[in-house]
Amino acid sequence: MSALGAATPGRGEDVSAEILNEVRVIAADVFAVDAKTLSAGSSPEQVEAWDSVQHLNLVLALEEKYGIQFEPEEMEGMNNLGRIAALLRSKIT
């Protein structure tokens, strides 16, 4: 488990920001875009390269990095980077 799983009480917002940043970096790699162009609100409608195949690649990259597995229902709700980060946080903390 990453150091993110060892969050201390009161650090929730710091951990959330750190997780969102890591999701942004992974998404930028998957979508071949600059991470600075991505935000919590970034979605398939705003990121040209974010199609169904790249969505699956993003899910797989997150699962591999964090040693977790997303359920199909969870994958359907991953419609922007903020929701992905929140879901990831719930799985690793």
N, C-alpha and C. Protein backbone atom coordinates (compact mmCIF):
# COMPACT_ATOMS: atom_id res chain seq x y z
N MET A 1 0.86 -1.18 0.00
CA MET A 1 0.00 0.00 0.00
C MET A 1 0.89 1.23 0.00
N SER A 2 0.48 2.27 -0.67
CA SER A 2 1.28 3.48 -0.73
C SER A 2 1.21 4.23 0.60
N ALA A 3 2.04 5.24 0.70
CA ALA A 3 2.05 6.05 1.92
C ALA A 3 0.72 6.76 2.11
N LEU A 4 -0.06 6.89 1.05
CA LEU A 4 -1.36 7.55 1.18
C LEU A 4 -2.28 6.81 2.12
N GLY A 5 -2.12 5.51 2.21
CA GLY A 5 -2.97 4.71 3.08
C GLY A 5 -2.68 4.97 4.55
N ALA A 6 -1.56 5.62 4.84
CA ALA A 6 -1.16 5.87 6.22
C ALA A 6 -1.51 7.29 6.62
N ALA A 7 -2.63 7.78 6.18
CA ALA A 7 -3.04 9.15 6.48
C ALA A 7 -3.29 9.31 7.98
N THR A 8 -2.98 10.49 8.46
CA THR A 8 -3.22 10.79 9.86
C THR A 8 -4.49 11.60 9.97
N PRO A 9 -5.18 11.51 11.10
CA PRO A 9 -6.40 12.30 11.27
C PRO A 9 -6.13 13.77 11.03
N GLY A 10 -7.07 14.44 10.38
CA GLY A 10 -6.91 15.86 10.10
C GLY A 10 -6.21 16.13 8.80
N ARG A 11 -5.69 15.11 8.14
CA ARG A 11 -4.99 15.30 6.88
C ARG A 11 -5.86 14.95 5.69
N GLY A 12 -7.14 14.76 5.88
CA GLY A 12 -8.02 14.32 4.80
C GLY A 12 -7.93 15.15 3.55
N GLU A 13 -7.91 16.47 3.70
CA GLU A 13 -7.84 17.33 2.53
C GLU A 13 -6.50 17.21 1.85
N ASP A 14 -5.41 17.12 2.63
CA ASP A 14 -4.09 16.95 2.05
C ASP A 14 -4.01 15.65 1.27
N VAL A 15 -4.55 14.58 1.86
CA VAL A 15 -4.54 13.28 1.21
C VAL A 15 -5.37 13.34 -0.06
N SER A 16 -6.53 13.98 0.00
CA SER A 16 -7.38 14.10 -1.18
C SER A 16 -6.67 14.85 -2.30
N ALA A 17 -6.00 15.94 -1.96
CA ALA A 17 -5.27 16.72 -2.97
C ALA A 17 -4.13 15.89 -3.54
N GLU A 18 -3.47 15.13 -2.70
CA GLU A 18 -2.37 14.29 -3.15
C GLU A 18 -2.89 13.19 -4.07
N ILE A 19 -3.99 12.58 -3.71
CA ILE A 19 -4.58 11.54 -4.56
C ILE A 19 -5.03 12.13 -5.89
N LEU A 20 -5.70 13.28 -5.86
CA LEU A 20 -6.13 13.92 -7.09
C LEU A 20 -4.93 14.22 -7.98
N ASN A 21 -3.85 14.71 -7.39
CA ASN A 21 -2.66 15.00 -8.18
C ASN A 21 -2.10 13.73 -8.81
N GLU A 22 -2.06 12.64 -8.06
CA GLU A 22 -1.57 11.38 -8.62
C GLU A 22 -2.49 10.88 -9.73
N VAL A 23 -3.80 11.03 -9.56
CA VAL A 23 -4.75 10.64 -10.61
C VAL A 23 -4.51 11.50 -11.85
N ARG A 24 -4.29 12.80 -11.65
CA ARG A 24 -4.03 13.68 -12.79
C ARG A 24 -2.78 13.26 -13.55
N VAL A 25 -1.72 12.91 -12.83
CA VAL A 25 -0.47 12.50 -13.47
C VAL A 25 -0.67 11.20 -14.26
N ILE A 26 -1.36 10.25 -13.66
CA ILE A 26 -1.62 8.97 -14.34
C ILE A 26 -2.51 9.21 -15.56
N ALA A 27 -3.56 10.00 -15.40
CA ALA A 27 -4.45 10.29 -16.52
C ALA A 27 -3.70 11.01 -17.64
N ALA A 28 -2.84 11.94 -17.28
CA ALA A 28 -2.07 12.65 -18.30
C ALA A 28 -1.19 11.68 -19.09
N ASP A 29 -0.62 10.72 -18.40
CA ASP A 29 0.20 9.72 -19.08
C ASP A 29 -0.67 8.87 -20.02
N VAL A 30 -1.80 8.40 -19.52
CA VAL A 30 -2.70 7.56 -20.33
C VAL A 30 -3.23 8.33 -21.54
N PHE A 31 -3.63 9.59 -21.32
CA PHE A 31 -4.24 10.37 -22.39
C PHE A 31 -3.23 11.14 -23.24
N ALA A 32 -1.95 11.06 -22.86
CA ALA A 32 -0.87 11.76 -23.57
C ALA A 32 -1.12 13.27 -23.65
N VAL A 33 -1.44 13.84 -22.48
CA VAL A 33 -1.63 15.29 -22.38
C VAL A 33 -0.80 15.80 -21.20
N ASP A 34 -0.65 17.09 -21.10
CA ASP A 34 0.06 17.72 -19.99
C ASP A 34 -0.83 17.66 -18.74
N ALA A 35 -0.29 17.18 -17.63
CA ALA A 35 -1.07 17.07 -16.40
C ALA A 35 -1.63 18.43 -15.97
N LYS A 36 -0.94 19.52 -16.31
CA LYS A 36 -1.40 20.86 -15.92
C LYS A 36 -2.73 21.22 -16.59
N THR A 37 -3.06 20.52 -17.67
CA THR A 37 -4.31 20.81 -18.37
C THR A 37 -5.50 20.08 -17.76
N LEU A 38 -5.23 19.18 -16.81
CA LEU A 38 -6.28 18.37 -16.19
C LEU A 38 -6.63 18.90 -14.80
N SER A 39 -7.91 18.81 -14.45
CA SER A 39 -8.39 19.23 -13.14
C SER A 39 -9.39 18.20 -12.63
N ALA A 40 -9.91 18.44 -11.44
CA ALA A 40 -10.91 17.53 -10.88
C ALA A 40 -12.13 17.43 -11.78
N GLY A 41 -12.44 18.47 -12.49
CA GLY A 41 -13.61 18.47 -13.37
C GLY A 41 -13.37 17.91 -14.75
N SER A 42 -12.12 17.54 -15.05
CA SER A 42 -11.83 17.00 -16.39
C SER A 42 -12.62 15.73 -16.62
N SER A 43 -13.23 15.65 -17.81
CA SER A 43 -14.11 14.53 -18.14
C SER A 43 -13.91 14.13 -19.60
N PRO A 44 -14.52 13.03 -20.01
CA PRO A 44 -14.39 12.62 -21.41
C PRO A 44 -14.86 13.70 -22.40
N GLU A 45 -15.78 14.53 -22.00
CA GLU A 45 -16.27 15.59 -22.88
C GLU A 45 -15.21 16.67 -23.10
N GLN A 46 -14.28 16.80 -22.15
CA GLN A 46 -13.27 17.86 -22.23
C GLN A 46 -11.91 17.36 -22.68
N VAL A 47 -11.66 16.08 -22.57
CA VAL A 47 -10.36 15.52 -22.92
C VAL A 47 -10.54 14.68 -24.18
N GLU A 48 -10.05 15.19 -25.28
CA GLU A 48 -10.29 14.56 -26.58
C GLU A 48 -9.88 13.09 -26.63
N ALA A 49 -8.77 12.76 -25.99
CA ALA A 49 -8.25 11.38 -26.04
C ALA A 49 -8.99 10.42 -25.11
N TRP A 50 -9.90 10.94 -24.28
CA TRP A 50 -10.59 10.10 -23.28
C TRP A 50 -11.78 9.41 -23.93
N ASP A 51 -11.51 8.29 -24.58
CA ASP A 51 -12.57 7.48 -25.16
C ASP A 51 -12.73 6.21 -24.31
N SER A 52 -13.55 5.28 -24.75
CA SER A 52 -13.83 4.10 -23.94
C SER A 52 -12.58 3.23 -23.73
N VAL A 53 -11.74 3.14 -24.73
CA VAL A 53 -10.52 2.34 -24.60
C VAL A 53 -9.57 3.01 -23.62
N GLN A 54 -9.40 4.32 -23.74
CA GLN A 54 -8.50 5.02 -22.82
C GLN A 54 -9.07 5.06 -21.40
N HIS A 55 -10.38 5.05 -21.28
CA HIS A 55 -11.00 4.97 -19.95
C HIS A 55 -10.59 3.65 -19.29
N LEU A 56 -10.67 2.57 -20.04
CA LEU A 56 -10.25 1.27 -19.51
C LEU A 56 -8.76 1.28 -19.18
N ASN A 57 -7.95 1.89 -20.03
CA ASN A 57 -6.51 1.98 -19.75
C ASN A 57 -6.24 2.77 -18.47
N LEU A 58 -7.02 3.82 -18.22
CA LEU A 58 -6.87 4.60 -16.99
C LEU A 58 -7.24 3.75 -15.79
N VAL A 59 -8.35 3.05 -15.87
CA VAL A 59 -8.77 2.16 -14.77
C VAL A 59 -7.68 1.12 -14.49
N LEU A 60 -7.18 0.50 -15.53
CA LEU A 60 -6.15 -0.53 -15.36
C LEU A 60 -4.87 0.04 -14.76
N ALA A 61 -4.48 1.24 -15.18
CA ALA A 61 -3.28 1.88 -14.63
C ALA A 61 -3.45 2.17 -13.14
N LEU A 62 -4.63 2.64 -12.74
CA LEU A 62 -4.89 2.91 -11.32
C LEU A 62 -4.91 1.61 -10.52
N GLU A 63 -5.54 0.58 -11.06
CA GLU A 63 -5.59 -0.70 -10.36
C GLU A 63 -4.19 -1.26 -10.16
N GLU A 64 -3.37 -1.15 -11.18
CA GLU A 64 -2.00 -1.67 -11.08
C GLU A 64 -1.18 -0.88 -10.08
N LYS A 65 -1.26 0.44 -10.14
CA LYS A 65 -0.46 1.28 -9.23
C LYS A 65 -0.82 1.05 -7.77
N TYR A 66 -2.11 0.94 -7.49
CA TYR A 66 -2.56 0.86 -6.10
C TYR A 66 -2.91 -0.54 -5.63
N GLY A 67 -2.80 -1.54 -6.50
CA GLY A 67 -3.08 -2.91 -6.10
C GLY A 67 -4.53 -3.12 -5.68
N ILE A 68 -5.44 -2.48 -6.39
CA ILE A 68 -6.87 -2.57 -6.09
C ILE A 68 -7.60 -3.06 -7.33
N GLN A 69 -8.90 -3.27 -7.17
CA GLN A 69 -9.74 -3.63 -8.31
C GLN A 69 -11.05 -2.88 -8.20
N PHE A 70 -11.44 -2.25 -9.30
CA PHE A 70 -12.71 -1.54 -9.35
C PHE A 70 -13.80 -2.47 -9.86
N GLU A 71 -15.00 -2.33 -9.32
CA GLU A 71 -16.16 -3.08 -9.78
C GLU A 71 -16.70 -2.40 -11.04
N PRO A 72 -17.36 -3.15 -11.91
CA PRO A 72 -17.93 -2.54 -13.13
C PRO A 72 -18.84 -1.34 -12.83
N GLU A 73 -19.62 -1.43 -11.76
CA GLU A 73 -20.50 -0.32 -11.40
C GLU A 73 -19.70 0.92 -11.03
N GLU A 74 -18.55 0.72 -10.37
CA GLU A 74 -17.70 1.84 -10.00
C GLU A 74 -17.11 2.49 -11.25
N MET A 75 -16.71 1.67 -12.20
CA MET A 75 -16.11 2.19 -13.43
C MET A 75 -17.09 3.08 -14.19
N GLU A 76 -18.35 2.73 -14.16
CA GLU A 76 -19.37 3.52 -14.85
C GLU A 76 -19.50 4.91 -14.26
N GLY A 77 -19.27 5.05 -12.95
CA GLY A 77 -19.38 6.34 -12.28
C GLY A 77 -18.14 7.19 -12.37
N MET A 78 -17.10 6.69 -13.01
CA MET A 78 -15.85 7.43 -13.12
C MET A 78 -15.93 8.41 -14.29
N ASN A 79 -16.73 9.46 -14.13
CA ASN A 79 -16.96 10.35 -15.24
C ASN A 79 -16.19 11.67 -15.18
N ASN A 80 -15.38 11.85 -14.16
CA ASN A 80 -14.42 12.95 -14.14
C ASN A 80 -13.31 12.60 -13.14
N LEU A 81 -12.21 13.33 -13.21
CA LEU A 81 -11.06 12.98 -12.38
C LEU A 81 -11.33 13.16 -10.89
N GLY A 82 -12.17 14.11 -10.53
CA GLY A 82 -12.51 14.30 -9.12
C GLY A 82 -13.24 13.09 -8.54
N ARG A 83 -14.19 12.56 -9.29
CA ARG A 83 -14.91 11.36 -8.84
C ARG A 83 -13.98 10.15 -8.77
N ILE A 84 -13.09 10.06 -9.74
CA ILE A 84 -12.12 8.96 -9.73
C ILE A 84 -11.24 9.05 -8.49
N ALA A 85 -10.76 10.25 -8.18
CA ALA A 85 -9.90 10.43 -7.00
C ALA A 85 -10.67 10.10 -5.72
N ALA A 86 -11.92 10.51 -5.63
CA ALA A 86 -12.73 10.23 -4.44
C ALA A 86 -12.95 8.72 -4.28
N LEU A 87 -13.25 8.06 -5.37
CA LEU A 87 -13.43 6.61 -5.33
C LEU A 87 -12.14 5.92 -4.93
N LEU A 88 -11.04 6.36 -5.53
CA LEU A 88 -9.75 5.78 -5.20
C LEU A 88 -9.43 5.98 -3.72
N ARG A 89 -9.69 7.16 -3.22
CA ARG A 89 -9.44 7.45 -1.80
C ARG A 89 -10.23 6.50 -0.90
N SER A 90 -11.48 6.24 -1.27
CA SER A 90 -12.32 5.35 -0.45
C SER A 90 -11.79 3.93 -0.45
N LYS A 91 -11.06 3.55 -1.49
CA LYS A 91 -10.55 2.19 -1.60
C LYS A 91 -9.19 2.01 -0.92
N ILE A 92 -8.42 3.08 -0.79
CA ILE A 92 -7.06 2.92 -0.26
C ILE A 92 -6.87 3.49 1.13
N THR A 93 -7.85 4.22 1.66
CA THR A 93 -7.67 4.77 3.01
C THR A 93 -8.58 4.09 3.99
